C-alpha atoms as a PDB file:
ATOM      1  CA  MET A   1     -25.298  23.378 -49.664  1.00  0.00           C
ATOM      2  CA  ASN A   2     -28.280  23.602 -52.009  1.00  0.00           C
ATOM      3  CA  GLY A   3     -30.155  20.914 -50.082  1.00  0.00           C
ATOM      4  CA  THR A   4     -29.533  22.718 -46.809  1.00  0.00           C
ATOM      5  CA  LEU A   5     -30.808  25.981 -48.273  1.00  0.00           C
ATOM      6  CA  LEU A   6     -33.921  24.221 -49.572  1.00  0.00           C
ATOM      7  CA  GLN A   7     -34.570  22.663 -46.155  1.00  0.00           C
ATOM      8  CA  TYR A   8     -34.106  26.099 -44.544  1.00  0.00           C
ATOM      9  CA  ILE A   9     -36.629  27.685 -46.923  1.00  0.00           C
ATOM     10  CA  ILE A  10     -39.123  24.845 -46.353  1.00  0.00           C
ATOM     11  CA  GLY A  11     -38.632  25.208 -42.593  1.00  0.00           C
ATOM     12  CA  GLN A  12     -39.265  28.946 -42.767  1.00  0.00           C
ATOM     13  CA  ARG A  13     -42.421  28.423 -44.830  1.00  0.00           C
ATOM     14  CA  LYS A  14     -43.699  25.793 -42.367  1.00  0.00           C
ATOM     15  CA  LEU A  15     -42.937  28.133 -39.471  1.00  0.00           C
ATOM     16  CA  SER A  16     -44.780  31.056 -41.056  1.00  0.00           C
ATOM     17  CA  PHE A  17     -47.683  28.728 -41.908  1.00  0.00           C
ATOM     18  CA  PHE A  18     -47.981  27.546 -38.300  1.00  0.00           C
ATOM     19  CA  VAL A  19     -47.751  31.124 -37.016  1.00  0.00           C
ATOM     20  CA  HIS A  20     -50.492  32.140 -39.473  1.00  0.00           C
ATOM     21  CA  LEU A  21     -52.606  29.171 -38.355  1.00  0.00           C
ATOM     22  CA  LYS A  22     -52.164  30.107 -34.679  1.00  0.00           C
ATOM     23  CA  TYR A  23     -52.985  33.750 -35.417  1.00  0.00           C
ATOM     24  CA  SER A  24     -56.107  32.783 -37.399  1.00  0.00           C
ATOM     25  CA  ASN A  25     -57.235  30.512 -34.547  1.00  0.00           C
ATOM     26  CA  ARG A  26     -56.764  33.306 -32.019  1.00  0.00           C
ATOM     27  CA  LEU A  27     -58.606  35.736 -34.291  1.00  0.00           C
ATOM     28  CA  LEU A  28     -61.519  33.296 -34.605  1.00  0.00           C
ATOM     29  CA  GLN A  29     -61.661  32.866 -30.824  1.00  0.00           C
ATOM     30  CA  LEU A  30     -61.661  36.644 -30.313  1.00  0.00           C
ATOM     31  CA  THR A  31     -64.488  37.227 -32.795  1.00  0.00           C
ATOM     32  CA  ASP A  32     -66.535  34.254 -31.550  1.00  0.00           C
ATOM     33  CA  PHE A  33     -68.548  35.776 -28.722  1.00  0.00           C
END
């Protein structure tokens, strides 16, 4: 159960990281005229 919880937390962190990366990329594209 502990291992599953750890994997879930790691998955969530990876997901938020990728979302942040995508958002930053989009922000850069918007500000790059």
